């Protein structure tokens, strides 16, 4: 996994439920738009925090199924292991 910024979503902030990450795609069903959120391995990685925040704000307006989103820095695996 490379270093960059990802959009993380969580179903419930008060209890521990697995976090999901925006994969970069949406789909339409019965006139409503839904984001595709998957595990960290399938997450879309943004090159800057500003791009990730802008994408997250547009996504909050467009998709129906999630609204609790945040931008998170994803570090390179090799860098993380050496810390």
N, C-alpha and C. Protein backbone atom coordinates (compact mmCIF):
# COMPACT_ATOMS: atom_id res chain seq x y z
N UNK A 1 0.85 -1.17 0.00
CA UNK A 1 0.00 0.00 0.00
C UNK A 1 0.89 1.23 0.00
N UNK A 2 0.63 2.17 -0.88
CA UNK A 2 1.47 3.35 -0.97
C UNK A 2 0.97 4.47 -0.05
N UNK A 3 1.84 5.42 0.18
CA UNK A 3 1.54 6.55 1.05
C UNK A 3 0.60 7.51 0.34
N UNK A 4 -0.35 8.06 1.08
CA UNK A 4 -1.28 9.03 0.52
C UNK A 4 -2.44 9.24 1.47
N UNK A 5 -3.44 9.92 0.98
CA UNK A 5 -4.63 10.24 1.77
C UNK A 5 -5.80 9.41 1.28
N UNK A 6 -6.61 8.91 2.22
CA UNK A 6 -7.78 8.10 1.88
C UNK A 6 -9.00 8.66 2.61
N UNK A 7 -10.19 8.34 2.11
CA UNK A 7 -11.44 8.73 2.75
C UNK A 7 -11.97 7.53 3.52
N UNK A 8 -12.08 7.71 4.83
CA UNK A 8 -12.53 6.62 5.72
C UNK A 8 -13.95 6.91 6.18
N UNK A 9 -14.75 5.86 6.24
CA UNK A 9 -16.12 6.00 6.75
C UNK A 9 -16.35 4.97 7.85
N UNK A 10 -17.26 5.29 8.75
CA UNK A 10 -17.60 4.38 9.83
C UNK A 10 -19.11 4.44 10.05
N UNK A 11 -19.73 3.30 10.27
CA UNK A 11 -21.18 3.26 10.45
C UNK A 11 -21.59 3.90 11.77
N UNK A 12 -20.84 3.69 12.81
CA UNK A 12 -21.22 4.19 14.12
C UNK A 12 -19.96 4.64 14.85
N UNK A 13 -19.87 5.89 15.18
CA UNK A 13 -18.68 6.41 15.84
C UNK A 13 -18.62 6.06 17.33
N UNK A 14 -19.71 5.68 17.94
CA UNK A 14 -19.75 5.40 19.37
C UNK A 14 -19.30 3.99 19.71
N UNK A 15 -19.44 3.05 18.80
CA UNK A 15 -19.03 1.67 19.06
C UNK A 15 -18.06 1.24 17.97
N UNK A 16 -17.33 0.18 18.23
CA UNK A 16 -16.36 -0.27 17.24
C UNK A 16 -17.05 -1.11 16.17
N UNK A 17 -17.08 -0.58 15.00
CA UNK A 17 -17.52 -1.31 13.81
C UNK A 17 -16.43 -1.11 12.78
N UNK A 18 -16.15 -2.11 12.00
CA UNK A 18 -15.07 -2.07 11.03
C UNK A 18 -15.14 -0.82 10.15
N UNK A 19 -13.99 -0.20 9.96
CA UNK A 19 -13.91 0.97 9.09
C UNK A 19 -13.85 0.54 7.64
N UNK A 20 -14.44 1.33 6.79
CA UNK A 20 -14.40 1.10 5.35
C UNK A 20 -13.83 2.34 4.67
N UNK A 21 -13.33 2.15 3.47
CA UNK A 21 -12.66 3.21 2.74
C UNK A 21 -13.28 3.36 1.36
N UNK A 22 -13.34 4.60 0.88
CA UNK A 22 -13.92 4.89 -0.42
C UNK A 22 -13.04 4.33 -1.53
N UNK A 23 -13.64 3.58 -2.43
CA UNK A 23 -12.88 2.92 -3.49
C UNK A 23 -12.73 3.78 -4.75
N UNK A 24 -13.41 4.92 -4.79
CA UNK A 24 -13.30 5.80 -5.95
C UNK A 24 -14.44 5.67 -6.94
N UNK A 25 -15.43 4.85 -6.62
CA UNK A 25 -16.54 4.69 -7.56
C UNK A 25 -17.88 4.78 -6.83
N UNK A 26 -18.91 5.07 -7.62
CA UNK A 26 -20.28 5.13 -7.11
C UNK A 26 -21.18 4.36 -8.08
N UNK A 27 -22.36 4.02 -7.62
CA UNK A 27 -23.34 3.40 -8.51
C UNK A 27 -24.72 3.99 -8.22
N UNK A 28 -25.62 3.82 -9.16
CA UNK A 28 -26.97 4.37 -9.05
C UNK A 28 -27.96 3.23 -8.98
N UNK A 29 -28.88 3.32 -8.01
CA UNK A 29 -29.93 2.32 -7.85
C UNK A 29 -31.22 3.04 -7.50
N UNK A 30 -32.24 2.87 -8.33
CA UNK A 30 -33.55 3.49 -8.14
C UNK A 30 -33.45 5.01 -7.96
N UNK A 31 -32.57 5.62 -8.72
CA UNK A 31 -32.45 7.07 -8.69
C UNK A 31 -31.54 7.63 -7.61
N UNK A 32 -31.08 6.81 -6.69
CA UNK A 32 -30.18 7.25 -5.62
C UNK A 32 -28.76 6.81 -5.93
N UNK A 33 -27.79 7.65 -5.56
CA UNK A 33 -26.38 7.32 -5.76
C UNK A 33 -25.80 6.75 -4.47
N UNK A 34 -25.00 5.71 -4.62
CA UNK A 34 -24.36 5.05 -3.49
C UNK A 34 -22.87 4.96 -3.74
N UNK A 35 -22.08 5.21 -2.71
CA UNK A 35 -20.64 5.06 -2.83
C UNK A 35 -20.24 3.61 -2.61
N UNK A 36 -19.14 3.23 -3.23
CA UNK A 36 -18.61 1.88 -3.03
C UNK A 36 -17.49 1.99 -2.00
N UNK A 37 -17.72 1.39 -0.83
CA UNK A 37 -16.76 1.44 0.27
C UNK A 37 -16.30 0.03 0.57
N UNK A 38 -14.97 -0.15 0.61
CA UNK A 38 -14.40 -1.48 0.78
C UNK A 38 -13.26 -1.44 1.79
N UNK A 39 -12.53 -2.55 1.89
CA UNK A 39 -11.38 -2.62 2.79
C UNK A 39 -10.27 -1.69 2.34
N UNK A 40 -9.29 -1.51 3.19
CA UNK A 40 -8.19 -0.60 2.92
C UNK A 40 -7.40 -0.99 1.67
N UNK A 41 -7.37 -2.25 1.33
CA UNK A 41 -6.62 -2.70 0.15
C UNK A 41 -7.21 -2.17 -1.15
N UNK A 42 -8.49 -1.87 -1.16
CA UNK A 42 -9.18 -1.39 -2.36
C UNK A 42 -9.42 0.12 -2.35
N UNK A 43 -8.88 0.82 -1.36
CA UNK A 43 -9.14 2.25 -1.21
C UNK A 43 -8.46 3.08 -2.30
N UNK A 44 -9.13 4.16 -2.70
CA UNK A 44 -8.53 5.11 -3.62
C UNK A 44 -7.60 6.00 -2.82
N UNK A 45 -6.36 6.13 -3.27
CA UNK A 45 -5.36 6.92 -2.57
C UNK A 45 -5.19 8.25 -3.28
N UNK A 46 -5.35 9.34 -2.54
CA UNK A 46 -5.19 10.69 -3.08
C UNK A 46 -3.78 11.20 -2.78
N UNK A 47 -3.26 12.04 -3.67
CA UNK A 47 -1.88 12.51 -3.53
C UNK A 47 -1.74 13.63 -2.51
N UNK A 48 -2.82 14.36 -2.22
CA UNK A 48 -2.73 15.44 -1.24
C UNK A 48 -3.98 15.46 -0.37
N UNK A 49 -3.82 16.07 0.79
CA UNK A 49 -4.94 16.18 1.72
C UNK A 49 -6.05 17.05 1.12
N UNK A 50 -5.69 18.11 0.44
CA UNK A 50 -6.69 19.00 -0.16
C UNK A 50 -7.55 18.27 -1.18
N UNK A 51 -6.94 17.43 -2.02
CA UNK A 51 -7.72 16.66 -3.00
C UNK A 51 -8.67 15.70 -2.31
N UNK A 52 -8.19 15.06 -1.25
CA UNK A 52 -9.03 14.11 -0.52
C UNK A 52 -10.19 14.81 0.16
N UNK A 53 -9.94 15.97 0.75
CA UNK A 53 -11.01 16.72 1.42
C UNK A 53 -12.05 17.20 0.40
N UNK A 54 -11.59 17.71 -0.73
CA UNK A 54 -12.53 18.16 -1.77
C UNK A 54 -13.39 17.00 -2.27
N UNK A 55 -12.77 15.84 -2.50
CA UNK A 55 -13.52 14.66 -2.94
C UNK A 55 -14.52 14.22 -1.88
N UNK A 56 -14.12 14.28 -0.62
CA UNK A 56 -15.01 13.88 0.47
C UNK A 56 -16.23 14.80 0.55
N UNK A 57 -16.01 16.10 0.42
CA UNK A 57 -17.13 17.05 0.48
C UNK A 57 -18.11 16.83 -0.67
N UNK A 58 -17.61 16.59 -1.86
CA UNK A 58 -18.49 16.30 -3.00
C UNK A 58 -19.23 14.98 -2.79
N UNK A 59 -18.54 14.01 -2.23
CA UNK A 59 -19.13 12.70 -1.98
C UNK A 59 -20.26 12.79 -0.95
N UNK A 60 -20.07 13.59 0.08
CA UNK A 60 -21.11 13.76 1.12
C UNK A 60 -22.40 14.30 0.53
N UNK A 61 -22.28 15.17 -0.46
CA UNK A 61 -23.46 15.74 -1.09
C UNK A 61 -24.11 14.75 -2.04
N UNK A 62 -23.31 13.96 -2.72
CA UNK A 62 -23.82 13.12 -3.80
C UNK A 62 -24.35 11.77 -3.34
N UNK A 63 -23.67 11.09 -2.44
CA UNK A 63 -24.08 9.73 -2.07
C UNK A 63 -25.06 9.76 -0.91
N UNK A 64 -25.86 8.71 -0.84
CA UNK A 64 -26.90 8.64 0.15
C UNK A 64 -26.53 7.76 1.34
N UNK A 65 -25.68 6.75 1.14
CA UNK A 65 -25.52 5.72 2.16
C UNK A 65 -24.52 6.02 3.26
N UNK A 66 -23.70 7.05 3.15
CA UNK A 66 -22.74 7.38 4.21
C UNK A 66 -22.65 8.88 4.36
N UNK A 67 -22.50 9.33 5.58
CA UNK A 67 -22.22 10.74 5.79
C UNK A 67 -21.14 10.97 6.85
N UNK A 68 -20.81 9.95 7.63
CA UNK A 68 -19.75 10.07 8.64
C UNK A 68 -18.42 9.70 7.98
N UNK A 69 -17.77 10.71 7.40
CA UNK A 69 -16.52 10.48 6.67
C UNK A 69 -15.42 11.35 7.25
N UNK A 70 -14.18 10.88 7.09
CA UNK A 70 -13.03 11.68 7.46
C UNK A 70 -11.86 11.31 6.56
N UNK A 71 -10.93 12.24 6.43
CA UNK A 71 -9.73 12.00 5.62
C UNK A 71 -8.63 11.54 6.55
N UNK A 72 -7.91 10.50 6.13
CA UNK A 72 -6.88 9.91 6.96
C UNK A 72 -5.60 9.71 6.14
N UNK A 73 -4.46 9.96 6.77
CA UNK A 73 -3.17 9.76 6.10
C UNK A 73 -2.83 8.28 6.15
N UNK A 74 -2.52 7.73 5.01
CA UNK A 74 -2.13 6.33 4.90
C UNK A 74 -0.63 6.29 4.62
N UNK A 75 0.11 5.73 5.55
CA UNK A 75 1.56 5.69 5.40
C UNK A 75 1.99 4.44 4.65
N UNK A 76 3.15 4.54 4.03
CA UNK A 76 3.72 3.41 3.31
C UNK A 76 4.02 2.29 4.31
N UNK A 77 3.78 1.04 3.94
CA UNK A 77 3.98 -0.08 4.84
C UNK A 77 5.40 -0.17 5.36
N UNK A 78 6.40 0.08 4.50
CA UNK A 78 7.79 -0.02 4.91
C UNK A 78 8.13 1.07 5.93
N UNK A 79 7.60 2.29 5.74
CA UNK A 79 7.83 3.37 6.67
C UNK A 79 7.18 3.06 8.02
N UNK A 80 5.99 2.49 7.97
CA UNK A 80 5.27 2.19 9.20
C UNK A 80 5.98 1.10 10.01
N UNK A 81 6.52 0.10 9.34
CA UNK A 81 7.19 -1.00 10.03
C UNK A 81 8.48 -0.56 10.70
N UNK A 82 9.14 0.47 10.17
CA UNK A 82 10.40 0.91 10.74
C UNK A 82 10.21 1.83 11.94
N UNK A 83 9.00 2.30 12.19
CA UNK A 83 8.75 3.21 13.34
C UNK A 83 8.70 2.45 14.63
